[in-house]
N, C-alpha and C. Protein backbone atom coordinates (compact mmCIF):
# COMPACT_ATOMS: atom_id res chain seq x y z
N MET A 1 235.81 4.84 -4.75
CA MET A 1 235.69 3.13 -4.93
C MET A 1 235.12 2.72 -6.21
N TYR A 2 233.59 3.85 -6.48
CA TYR A 2 233.01 3.27 -7.77
C TYR A 2 233.78 3.42 -9.39
N GLY A 3 234.48 4.40 -9.20
CA GLY A 3 235.53 4.52 -10.53
C GLY A 3 236.63 3.23 -10.56
N LEU A 4 237.38 3.07 -9.67
CA LEU A 4 238.11 2.07 -9.42
C LEU A 4 236.97 0.48 -9.77
N THR A 5 236.55 0.34 -9.40
CA THR A 5 235.46 -0.66 -9.74
C THR A 5 235.04 -0.82 -11.18
N SER A 6 234.44 0.59 -11.82
CA SER A 6 234.44 0.71 -13.17
C SER A 6 235.49 0.27 -13.99
N GLN A 7 236.67 0.70 -13.29
CA GLN A 7 238.09 0.43 -14.56
C GLN A 7 238.10 -0.73 -14.59
N ILE A 8 238.28 -1.82 -13.11
CA ILE A 8 238.21 -3.26 -13.36
C ILE A 8 237.55 -3.49 -14.23
N ARG A 9 236.49 -3.58 -14.16
CA ARG A 9 235.41 -4.24 -15.17
C ARG A 9 235.74 -3.68 -16.37
N ARG A 10 235.90 -2.44 -16.67
CA ARG A 10 236.57 -2.32 -18.35
C ARG A 10 237.50 -3.12 -18.88
N ALA A 11 238.59 -2.96 -17.84
CA ALA A 11 239.83 -3.51 -18.40
C ALA A 11 239.65 -5.33 -18.31
N ALA A 12 238.89 -5.92 -17.56
CA ALA A 12 238.26 -7.17 -17.67
C ALA A 12 237.78 -7.60 -18.81
N LEU A 13 237.03 -6.76 -18.98
CA LEU A 13 235.89 -7.36 -20.11
C LEU A 13 236.45 -6.68 -21.68
N SER A 14 237.67 -6.15 -21.27
CA SER A 14 238.38 -5.65 -22.67
C SER A 14 239.05 -7.18 -22.96
N ILE A 15 239.58 -7.80 -22.13
CA ILE A 15 240.47 -9.04 -22.35
C ILE A 15 239.48 -9.86 -23.50
N PRO A 16 238.56 -10.63 -23.03
CA PRO A 16 237.62 -11.38 -24.25
C PRO A 16 237.43 -10.64 -25.58
N THR A 17 236.64 -9.60 -25.44
CA THR A 17 236.37 -9.13 -26.60
C THR A 17 237.54 -8.19 -27.63
N ASN A 18 238.68 -8.16 -26.75
CA ASN A 18 239.68 -7.88 -27.64
C ASN A 18 240.01 -9.14 -28.77
N ILE A 19 240.17 -10.14 -28.11
CA ILE A 19 240.13 -11.63 -28.59
C ILE A 19 239.31 -11.59 -29.64
N VAL A 20 237.89 -11.73 -29.51
CA VAL A 20 236.76 -11.47 -30.28
C VAL A 20 236.96 -10.93 -31.62
N GLU A 21 237.43 -9.43 -31.46
CA GLU A 21 237.80 -8.66 -32.70
C GLU A 21 238.91 -8.83 -33.28
N GLY A 22 239.52 -9.68 -32.50
CA GLY A 22 241.27 -10.00 -33.40
C GLY A 22 240.48 -11.51 -34.70
N TYR A 23 239.75 -12.27 -33.56
CA TYR A 23 239.23 -13.25 -34.43
C TYR A 23 238.51 -13.04 -35.87
N ALA A 24 237.50 -11.87 -35.47
CA ALA A 24 236.58 -11.25 -36.67
C ALA A 24 237.63 -10.83 -38.04
N ARG A 25 238.77 -10.41 -37.56
CA ARG A 25 239.59 -10.05 -38.63
C ARG A 25 240.15 -11.20 -39.51
N LYS A 26 239.76 -12.51 -39.34
CA LYS A 26 240.07 -13.46 -40.19
C LYS A 26 241.41 -13.39 -40.81
N GLY A 27 242.40 -13.27 -39.56
CA GLY A 27 244.03 -13.71 -40.13
C GLY A 27 244.90 -13.74 -38.89
N ASP A 28 245.82 -14.88 -38.61
CA ASP A 28 246.49 -14.79 -37.71
C ASP A 28 247.64 -13.57 -37.22
N LYS A 29 247.82 -12.71 -38.21
CA LYS A 29 248.52 -11.76 -37.44
C LYS A 29 247.71 -10.82 -36.70
N GLU A 30 246.71 -10.52 -37.28
CA GLU A 30 245.66 -9.57 -36.63
C GLU A 30 245.05 -10.00 -35.67
N LEU A 31 244.80 -11.64 -35.81
CA LEU A 31 244.54 -12.21 -34.26
C LEU A 31 245.44 -11.99 -33.19
N ALA A 32 246.77 -12.13 -33.66
CA ALA A 32 247.91 -11.84 -32.90
C ALA A 32 248.16 -10.39 -32.12
N ARG A 33 247.99 -9.91 -32.65
CA ARG A 33 247.79 -8.24 -32.17
C ARG A 33 246.98 -7.75 -31.53
N PHE A 34 245.67 -8.48 -31.70
CA PHE A 34 244.41 -8.21 -30.65
C PHE A 34 244.96 -9.11 -29.64
N VAL A 35 245.43 -10.78 -29.44
CA VAL A 35 245.64 -10.86 -28.27
C VAL A 35 246.95 -10.16 -27.43
N ASN A 36 247.62 -9.82 -28.30
CA ASN A 36 248.45 -8.77 -27.28
C ASN A 36 247.91 -7.46 -26.66
N ILE A 37 246.75 -7.04 -27.32
CA ILE A 37 246.37 -6.07 -26.85
C ILE A 37 245.52 -6.53 -25.11
N ALA A 38 244.76 -7.91 -25.53
CA ALA A 38 244.24 -8.54 -24.61
C ALA A 38 245.24 -8.65 -23.56
N MET A 39 246.49 -9.01 -23.48
CA MET A 39 247.55 -9.44 -22.60
C MET A 39 247.58 -7.92 -21.74
N GLY A 40 247.89 -6.92 -22.38
CA GLY A 40 247.75 -5.54 -22.16
C GLY A 40 246.80 -5.25 -20.95
N SER A 41 245.50 -5.69 -21.43
CA SER A 41 244.22 -5.39 -20.80
C SER A 41 244.17 -6.22 -19.42
N LEU A 42 244.89 -7.66 -19.56
CA LEU A 42 245.12 -8.40 -18.29
C LEU A 42 246.35 -7.76 -17.25
N ALA A 43 247.04 -7.16 -17.69
CA ALA A 43 248.42 -6.51 -17.20
C ALA A 43 247.49 -5.28 -16.29
N GLU A 44 246.70 -4.33 -17.17
CA GLU A 44 245.87 -3.40 -16.36
C GLU A 44 244.93 -4.11 -15.23
N THR A 45 244.45 -5.03 -15.32
CA THR A 45 243.65 -5.53 -14.53
C THR A 45 244.29 -6.07 -13.23
N GLU A 46 245.41 -6.91 -13.23
CA GLU A 46 246.22 -6.93 -12.46
C GLU A 46 246.82 -6.05 -11.74
N TYR A 47 246.92 -4.66 -12.35
CA TYR A 47 247.72 -3.61 -11.54
C TYR A 47 246.40 -3.29 -10.78
N LEU A 48 245.30 -3.13 -11.31
CA LEU A 48 244.21 -2.18 -10.82
C LEU A 48 243.62 -3.03 -9.30
N LEU A 49 243.73 -4.23 -9.41
CA LEU A 49 243.77 -5.29 -8.32
C LEU A 49 244.43 -4.91 -7.05
N GLU A 50 245.84 -5.14 -7.50
CA GLU A 50 246.85 -4.72 -6.25
C GLU A 50 246.55 -3.33 -6.11
N PHE A 51 246.42 -2.44 -6.89
CA PHE A 51 246.20 -1.10 -6.24
C PHE A 51 244.60 -1.14 -5.17
N SER A 52 243.89 -1.87 -5.43
CA SER A 52 242.46 -2.16 -4.67
C SER A 52 242.83 -2.50 -3.59
N THR A 53 243.96 -3.46 -3.49
CA THR A 53 244.33 -4.62 -2.16
C THR A 53 244.75 -3.35 -1.27
N LYS A 54 245.64 -2.58 -1.86
CA LYS A 54 246.71 -1.54 -1.04
C LYS A 54 245.62 -0.68 -0.56
N LEU A 55 244.97 -0.46 -1.09
CA LEU A 55 243.86 0.69 -0.57
C LEU A 55 242.49 0.20 0.39
N GLY A 56 242.49 -1.26 0.31
CA GLY A 56 242.07 -1.97 1.35
C GLY A 56 240.75 -1.98 1.39
N TYR A 57 240.35 -2.00 -0.45
CA TYR A 57 239.37 -2.33 -0.81
C TYR A 57 239.03 -3.56 -0.97
N LEU A 58 240.03 -4.46 -1.46
CA LEU A 58 240.02 -5.52 -1.76
C LEU A 58 240.68 -6.67 -0.43
N LYS A 59 240.03 -7.43 -0.14
CA LYS A 59 240.55 -8.43 1.12
C LYS A 59 241.50 -8.90 0.24
N ALA A 60 242.90 -9.76 1.44
CA ALA A 60 244.23 -10.33 0.59
C ALA A 60 243.51 -11.81 0.40
N GLN A 61 242.76 -12.42 0.82
CA GLN A 61 242.31 -13.45 0.56
C GLN A 61 241.43 -13.38 -0.71
N ASP A 62 240.78 -12.27 -1.18
CA ASP A 62 240.10 -11.88 -2.58
C ASP A 62 241.12 -11.72 -3.09
N PHE A 63 242.27 -11.09 -3.17
CA PHE A 63 242.85 -10.82 -4.27
C PHE A 63 243.80 -12.20 -4.85
N GLY A 64 244.23 -12.77 -3.38
CA GLY A 64 244.57 -14.25 -3.88
C GLY A 64 243.81 -15.31 -5.01
N ARG A 65 242.81 -15.10 -4.66
CA ARG A 65 241.66 -16.09 -5.77
C ARG A 65 241.79 -15.38 -6.91
N LEU A 66 241.57 -14.28 -6.72
CA LEU A 66 241.57 -13.37 -8.31
C LEU A 66 243.16 -13.44 -8.77
N GLU A 67 244.01 -13.42 -8.12
CA GLU A 67 245.36 -13.47 -8.61
C GLU A 67 245.73 -15.11 -9.72
N ASN A 68 245.44 -16.19 -8.81
CA ASN A 68 245.50 -17.38 -9.22
C ASN A 68 244.47 -17.38 -10.50
N LEU A 69 243.55 -16.98 -11.03
CA LEU A 69 242.53 -17.13 -11.63
C LEU A 69 243.45 -15.81 -13.18
N ARG A 70 243.94 -14.90 -12.92
CA ARG A 70 244.62 -14.02 -13.35
C ARG A 70 245.64 -14.52 -14.06
N ALA A 71 246.43 -15.13 -13.29
CA ALA A 71 247.96 -16.20 -13.76
C ALA A 71 247.19 -17.28 -14.61
N GLU A 72 246.24 -17.86 -14.29
CA GLU A 72 245.47 -19.13 -15.31
C GLU A 72 245.30 -18.58 -16.52
N VAL A 73 244.54 -17.15 -16.43
CA VAL A 73 244.20 -16.57 -17.87
C VAL A 73 245.43 -16.31 -18.62
N GLY A 74 246.70 -15.77 -17.81
CA GLY A 74 247.64 -15.23 -18.38
C GLY A 74 248.64 -16.35 -19.12
N LYS A 75 248.67 -17.43 -18.54
CA LYS A 75 249.24 -18.69 -19.28
C LYS A 75 248.54 -18.95 -20.65
N LEU A 76 247.10 -19.13 -20.56
CA LEU A 76 246.46 -19.42 -21.96
C LEU A 76 246.82 -18.45 -22.50
N LEU A 77 246.57 -17.35 -22.43
CA LEU A 77 246.63 -16.15 -23.70
C LEU A 77 247.90 -16.11 -23.95
N TRP A 78 249.08 -16.38 -23.32
CA TRP A 78 250.23 -16.22 -23.81
C TRP A 78 250.68 -17.67 -24.73
N SER A 79 249.79 -18.84 -24.71
CA SER A 79 249.93 -20.05 -25.42
C SER A 79 249.35 -19.78 -26.44
N PHE A 80 248.26 -19.37 -26.66
CA PHE A 80 247.80 -18.76 -27.48
C PHE A 80 248.29 -17.68 -28.47
N TYR A 81 248.86 -16.51 -28.09
CA TYR A 81 249.43 -16.00 -28.65
C TYR A 81 250.59 -16.17 -29.32
N LYS A 82 251.32 -17.23 -28.87
CA LYS A 82 252.25 -18.05 -29.33
C LYS A 82 252.04 -18.75 -30.51
N LYS A 83 250.96 -19.59 -30.20
CA LYS A 83 250.24 -20.35 -31.36
C LYS A 83 249.85 -19.49 -32.62
N VAL A 84 249.20 -18.66 -32.63
CA VAL A 84 249.08 -17.83 -33.95
C VAL A 84 250.10 -17.12 -34.44
N GLY A 85 251.13 -17.11 -34.01
CA GLY A 85 252.23 -16.69 -34.51
C GLY A 85 252.82 -15.31 -34.19
N GLY A 86 252.23 -14.85 -32.71
CA GLY A 86 252.62 -13.70 -31.94
C GLY A 86 254.07 -13.25 -31.66
N PHE A 87 254.73 -14.60 -31.36
CA PHE A 87 255.77 -14.75 -30.59
C PHE A 87 257.03 -15.68 -31.38
N GLU A 88 257.90 -15.18 -31.96
CA GLU A 88 259.05 -16.29 -32.67
C GLU A 88 260.08 -16.00 -31.59
N GLY A 89 260.38 -17.04 -30.92
CA GLY A 89 261.29 -17.37 -30.18
C GLY A 89 261.04 -18.19 -28.71
């Protein structure tokens, strides 16, 4: 369980740190690339939370709250990604 907890923390912390790193690069193309990486970290976090629930480490109610937050962050990230030119279409 410790290893799984550690991996969830790393994946979740990777989301904002990738955005900061992309912003520091001073260009929308680079920022979009790092926001894309942040979305990958969000997907990793989602998988790890689902996996934790299946193993019985995380209660369904707690997963539901975290999933709602994940969905909200996902929407915000996707909007930001489109705004900085990461998606044409």
